[in-house]
Amino acid sequence: MVEEHGPGILMAAFIIVVGILFNPFAAKAEEFHWGFKKSVNGIPPDAGAALNEMLEKHGAIYKGKPDEKVAYLSFDNGYENGYTENILDTLKKENVPATFFLTGHYLKSAAPLVHRMVKDGHGIGNHSFDHPNMANLTEERMEEEWKKFDELLYKTTGVKRTVYARPPEGIFNDTVLRKGNELGYRHIFWSVAFIDWHANKPRGKAYAYKELMNQLHPGAVILMHTVSPDNAEALPDFIRDAKKQGYEFRTLDDLVLEYENVDAILR
């Protein structure tokens, strides 16, 4: 069974870790683990000049406008643990869109839920087929991971392909972003996240709610996992209270369009 782990090396301080690691198939492979210092007081986090430049070059995104109270919900689903249906119920009740980044295992093992995601109008993102370290793969294997997922998605739901990708565990490099672009994938990272991927270590509704509210900021791209009950229990109150603060929830299509409009103005 494919297991969903945390998004990159997200330590307590959410400090970005960038390293040069050795690849058994190459002399040296540059590898980045997505992470950041948590947002506080509504101030968006910053990945730093070097990563900002790399992401901008490939059209990768991790946050929206800093002056507009808009948030974007996304979920990473490596396997089903019984809580996604409740999350979908909440999204439907609150009329809030989300994007679910799925693996091949999830498509095969939780097809009815995937059908509901599509039926309810949510986006499906490509989290790879087998959940590998994408930065360690050849370009041919990267392509196989994304396309194999899309082929199964089409067979399962009739959705032709995905256009948004998210690397397993947040591990990536320039080649992953570039190759993704060549194949029509745009990488979407995140600006709000917390330790929520341990299926057997729930920390309670209050923990998830507090993390979400404390890190909320204009343009927030929120990453949550569905394997723990914490998020499913906290989501209704979080959505309602974020709306009370003036926040609106939009789709990743809206986020990408926002960036493209800015680029057009700058040109």
Protein backbone atom coordinates (compact mmCIF):
# COMPACT_ATOMS: atom_id res chain seq x y z
CA MET A 1 0.00 0.00 0.00
CA VAL A 2 1.28 3.44 -0.86
CA GLU A 3 1.62 5.51 2.27
CA GLU A 4 1.19 9.25 2.31
CA HIS A 5 3.84 11.02 4.33
CA GLY A 6 4.33 14.60 5.33
CA PRO A 7 4.88 17.37 2.78
CA GLY A 8 8.65 17.50 2.54
CA ILE A 9 10.77 17.86 5.63
CA LEU A 10 8.25 20.00 7.51
CA MET A 11 9.86 20.27 10.90
CA ALA A 12 8.34 22.11 13.81
CA ALA A 13 9.64 25.46 12.66
CA PHE A 14 8.78 24.77 9.03
CA ILE A 15 12.22 25.97 7.98
CA ILE A 16 13.19 25.35 4.41
CA VAL A 17 15.80 22.70 3.93
CA VAL A 18 17.83 22.74 0.76
CA GLY A 19 20.53 20.15 0.22
CA ILE A 20 22.78 18.51 -2.27
CA LEU A 21 22.14 14.78 -2.05
CA PHE A 22 23.69 11.87 -3.91
CA ASN A 23 21.69 9.89 -6.42
CA PRO A 24 22.72 6.28 -7.12
CA PHE A 25 21.92 6.87 -10.79
CA ALA A 26 23.89 10.11 -11.20
CA ALA A 27 27.07 11.66 -9.90
CA LYS A 28 25.22 14.39 -8.03
CA ALA A 29 21.57 15.40 -7.82
CA GLU A 30 20.31 18.71 -6.50
CA GLU A 31 17.28 18.21 -4.32
CA PHE A 32 14.95 20.65 -2.59
CA HIS A 33 12.52 19.90 0.24
CA TRP A 34 9.65 22.37 0.24
CA GLY A 35 9.14 24.09 3.56
CA PHE A 36 9.00 27.54 5.12
CA LYS A 37 8.66 29.51 8.32
CA LYS A 38 4.98 29.55 9.27
CA SER A 39 2.83 32.56 8.51
CA VAL A 40 1.95 34.68 11.53
CA ASN A 41 -0.37 37.67 11.90
CA GLY A 42 -1.70 37.22 8.39
CA ILE A 43 1.70 37.82 6.76
CA PRO A 44 2.35 35.39 3.86
CA PRO A 45 5.46 33.21 4.21
CA ASP A 46 8.39 33.66 1.83
CA ALA A 47 10.41 30.78 0.36
CA GLY A 48 13.40 33.01 -0.24
CA ALA A 49 14.89 34.64 -3.34
CA ALA A 50 16.53 31.54 -4.80
CA LEU A 51 13.43 29.33 -4.69
CA ASN A 52 11.12 32.17 -5.67
CA GLU A 53 13.22 32.67 -8.79
CA MET A 54 13.21 28.96 -9.63
CA LEU A 55 9.46 28.63 -9.18
CA GLU A 56 8.75 31.79 -11.16
CA LYS A 57 10.86 30.52 -14.05
CA HIS A 58 8.65 27.44 -14.34
CA GLY A 59 5.31 29.03 -13.41
CA ALA A 60 5.14 27.09 -10.13
CA ILE A 61 2.98 28.71 -7.44
CA TYR A 62 2.68 28.50 -3.66
CA LYS A 63 0.61 31.53 -2.72
CA GLY A 64 -1.71 34.16 -4.15
CA LYS A 65 -2.02 37.92 -3.82
CA PRO A 66 -0.90 39.27 -0.42
CA ASP A 67 -3.54 42.01 -0.41
CA GLU A 68 -6.68 40.00 -1.14
CA LYS A 69 -8.50 37.79 1.37
CA VAL A 70 -8.67 34.69 -0.80
CA ALA A 71 -7.69 31.15 0.18
CA TYR A 72 -7.30 27.98 -1.85
CA LEU A 73 -7.97 24.56 -0.31
CA SER A 74 -5.99 21.52 -1.41
CA PHE A 75 -5.73 18.00 -0.04
CA ASP A 76 -3.10 15.31 -0.61
CA ASN A 77 -4.59 11.81 -0.70
CA GLY A 78 -2.19 8.89 -0.82
CA TYR A 79 -4.62 6.41 0.69
CA GLU A 80 -8.10 6.47 2.17
CA ASN A 81 -8.61 6.28 5.92
CA GLY A 82 -12.32 6.94 6.23
CA TYR A 83 -12.48 10.73 6.56
CA THR A 84 -12.64 12.06 3.00
CA GLU A 85 -16.39 11.63 2.73
CA ASN A 86 -16.91 13.92 5.71
CA ILE A 87 -14.59 16.48 4.12
CA LEU A 88 -16.55 16.31 0.87
CA ASP A 89 -19.80 16.75 2.82
CA THR A 90 -18.41 19.89 4.47
CA LEU A 91 -17.19 21.35 1.18
CA LYS A 92 -20.60 20.76 -0.38
CA LYS A 93 -22.49 22.25 2.55
CA GLU A 94 -20.27 25.34 2.63
CA ASN A 95 -20.12 25.63 -1.18
CA VAL A 96 -16.32 25.68 -1.14
CA PRO A 97 -14.10 24.30 -3.95
CA ALA A 98 -10.95 22.27 -3.39
CA THR A 99 -8.31 20.39 -5.34
CA PHE A 100 -7.41 16.82 -4.38
CA PHE A 101 -3.89 15.70 -5.29
CA LEU A 102 -4.17 11.93 -5.63
CA THR A 103 -1.85 8.97 -6.18
CA GLY A 104 -2.37 5.93 -8.36
CA HIS A 105 -3.07 3.87 -5.26
CA TYR A 106 -5.88 6.23 -4.29
CA LEU A 107 -7.45 6.03 -7.74
CA LYS A 108 -7.46 2.24 -7.56
CA SER A 109 -8.57 1.85 -3.95
CA ALA A 110 -11.04 4.72 -3.53
CA ALA A 111 -12.64 5.12 -6.96
CA PRO A 112 -16.14 5.96 -5.61
CA LEU A 113 -14.72 8.91 -3.67
CA VAL A 114 -12.80 10.10 -6.73
CA HIS A 115 -16.03 9.95 -8.73
CA ARG A 116 -17.70 12.10 -6.08
CA MET A 117 -14.85 14.64 -6.12
CA VAL A 118 -15.34 15.08 -9.85
CA LYS A 119 -19.14 15.09 -9.60
CA ASP A 120 -19.02 17.75 -6.87
CA GLY A 121 -16.90 19.96 -9.11
CA HIS A 122 -13.56 19.69 -7.32
CA GLY A 123 -10.23 19.63 -9.10
CA ILE A 124 -8.00 16.58 -9.33
CA GLY A 125 -4.24 17.10 -9.09
CA ASN A 126 -1.41 14.75 -10.01
CA HIS A 127 0.53 13.55 -6.96
CA SER A 128 2.29 10.91 -9.11
CA PHE A 129 1.34 7.29 -9.60
CA ASP A 130 3.64 5.53 -7.12
CA HIS A 131 4.57 8.44 -4.78
CA PRO A 132 8.35 8.33 -5.42
CA ASN A 133 11.03 10.94 -4.84
CA MET A 134 10.61 12.68 -8.20
CA ALA A 135 13.99 14.42 -7.97
CA ASN A 136 15.71 11.01 -8.05
CA LEU A 137 14.04 9.91 -11.27
CA THR A 138 15.18 10.17 -14.86
CA GLU A 139 13.09 12.42 -17.06
CA GLU A 140 11.59 9.33 -18.67
CA ARG A 141 10.49 8.00 -15.29
CA MET A 142 9.06 11.38 -14.30
CA GLU A 143 6.95 11.35 -17.44
CA GLU A 144 5.84 7.80 -16.72
CA GLU A 145 4.72 8.72 -13.18
CA TRP A 146 2.55 11.63 -14.33
CA LYS A 147 1.16 10.02 -17.46
CA LYS A 148 0.43 6.67 -15.81
CA PHE A 149 -1.63 8.53 -13.24
CA ASP A 150 -3.51 10.43 -15.93
CA GLU A 151 -4.24 7.27 -17.89
CA LEU A 152 -5.79 5.63 -14.83
CA LEU A 153 -7.69 8.81 -13.96
CA TYR A 154 -9.22 8.82 -17.44
CA LYS A 155 -10.19 5.14 -17.20
CA THR A 156 -11.67 5.72 -13.74
CA THR A 157 -13.54 9.00 -14.22
CA GLY A 158 -13.41 10.09 -17.84
CA VAL A 159 -11.32 13.14 -16.89
CA LYS A 160 -8.80 13.37 -19.74
CA ARG A 161 -5.77 14.54 -17.77
CA THR A 162 -4.49 16.68 -14.93
CA VAL A 163 -2.74 20.01 -15.34
CA TYR A 164 -1.62 20.63 -11.75
CA ALA A 165 1.10 18.52 -10.15
CA ARG A 166 2.49 18.32 -6.64
CA PRO A 167 5.67 16.33 -5.89
CA PRO A 168 5.44 13.62 -3.20
CA GLU A 169 6.75 14.85 0.16
CA GLY A 170 7.46 18.21 -1.48
CA ILE A 171 10.77 16.96 -2.91
CA PHE A 172 11.72 18.48 -6.26
CA ASN A 173 14.42 20.12 -8.34
CA ASP A 174 14.68 22.30 -11.43
CA THR A 175 14.40 19.28 -13.71
CA VAL A 176 11.11 18.18 -12.14
CA LEU A 177 9.60 21.62 -12.70
CA ARG A 178 10.98 21.98 -16.22
CA LYS A 179 9.95 18.50 -17.35
CA GLY A 180 6.52 19.01 -15.87
CA ASN A 181 6.11 22.20 -17.90
CA GLU A 182 7.16 20.41 -21.09
CA LEU A 183 4.38 17.87 -20.51
CA GLY A 184 1.74 20.46 -19.65
CA TYR A 185 1.89 20.28 -15.84
CA ARG A 186 2.11 23.28 -13.55
CA HIS A 187 3.42 22.64 -10.05
CA ILE A 188 1.37 23.91 -7.14
CA PHE A 189 3.04 24.00 -3.72
CA TRP A 190 1.51 25.54 -0.58
CA SER A 191 1.89 28.29 2.01
CA VAL A 192 -0.09 26.77 4.89
CA ALA A 193 0.61 23.32 6.30
CA PHE A 194 1.18 21.49 9.56
CA ILE A 195 1.88 17.98 10.81
CA ASP A 196 -1.38 16.21 9.96
CA TRP A 197 -0.32 13.09 8.08
CA HIS A 198 0.12 10.59 10.93
CA ALA A 199 -2.97 8.37 10.64
CA ASN A 200 -2.47 6.78 14.05
CA LYS A 201 -1.52 9.92 15.95
CA PRO A 202 -4.53 12.26 15.94
CA ARG A 203 -4.00 15.46 17.90
CA GLY A 204 -7.59 16.61 18.01
CA LYS A 205 -9.89 19.07 16.29
CA ALA A 206 -8.58 22.03 18.30
CA TYR A 207 -5.03 21.43 17.11
CA ALA A 208 -5.97 21.44 13.41
CA TYR A 209 -8.31 24.42 13.80
CA LYS A 210 -5.67 26.46 15.63
CA GLU A 211 -2.99 25.70 13.03
CA LEU A 212 -5.28 26.67 10.16
CA MET A 213 -6.51 29.90 11.74
CA ASN A 214 -3.07 30.96 13.00
CA GLN A 215 -1.45 30.47 9.60
CA LEU A 216 -4.29 31.87 7.49
CA HIS A 217 -3.18 34.77 5.31
CA PRO A 218 -4.31 36.52 2.10
CA GLY A 219 -3.53 34.29 -0.87
CA ALA A 220 -3.11 31.17 1.27
CA VAL A 221 -2.69 27.88 -0.57
CA ILE A 222 -3.66 25.43 2.16
CA LEU A 223 -2.38 21.86 2.23
CA MET A 224 -4.22 19.30 4.34
CA HIS A 225 -4.14 15.49 4.51
CA THR A 226 -7.25 13.39 4.92
CA VAL A 227 -5.86 10.42 6.86
CA SER A 228 -6.48 11.88 10.33
CA PRO A 229 -9.87 12.84 11.82
CA ASP A 230 -8.44 16.19 12.99
CA ASN A 231 -8.88 17.97 9.66
CA ALA A 232 -12.31 16.53 8.95
CA GLU A 233 -13.51 17.69 12.37
CA ALA A 234 -11.90 21.15 12.20
CA LEU A 235 -12.79 21.99 8.60
CA PRO A 236 -16.41 23.18 9.13
CA ASP A 237 -15.48 25.68 11.83
CA PHE A 238 -12.38 26.80 9.97
CA ILE A 239 -14.29 27.55 6.76
CA ARG A 240 -17.06 29.39 8.58
CA ASP A 241 -14.70 31.44 10.73
CA ALA A 242 -12.43 32.26 7.77
CA LYS A 243 -15.51 33.54 5.93
CA LYS A 244 -16.42 35.64 8.98
CA GLN A 245 -12.98 37.26 8.66
CA GLY A 246 -13.82 38.17 5.08
CA TYR A 247 -12.07 35.31 3.29
CA GLU A 248 -13.33 33.79 0.05
CA PHE A 249 -12.37 30.32 -1.15
CA ARG A 250 -11.47 29.94 -4.83
CA THR A 251 -10.11 27.29 -7.19
CA LEU A 252 -6.56 26.71 -8.38
CA ASP A 253 -7.74 27.78 -11.83
CA ASP A 254 -8.51 31.17 -10.30
CA LEU A 255 -5.07 31.25 -8.69
CA VAL A 256 -3.30 30.49 -11.98
CA LEU A 257 -5.41 33.04 -13.84
CA GLU A 258 -4.43 35.63 -11.26
CA TYR A 259 -0.74 35.01 -12.01
CA GLU A 260 -1.25 35.04 -15.77
CA ASN A 261 -3.09 38.36 -15.58
CA VAL A 262 -0.23 39.85 -13.56
CA ASP A 263 2.32 38.56 -16.10
CA ALA A 264 0.29 40.07 -18.95
CA ILE A 265 0.27 43.46 -17.20
CA LEU A 266 4.03 43.30 -16.57
CA ARG A 267 4.69 42.47 -20.23
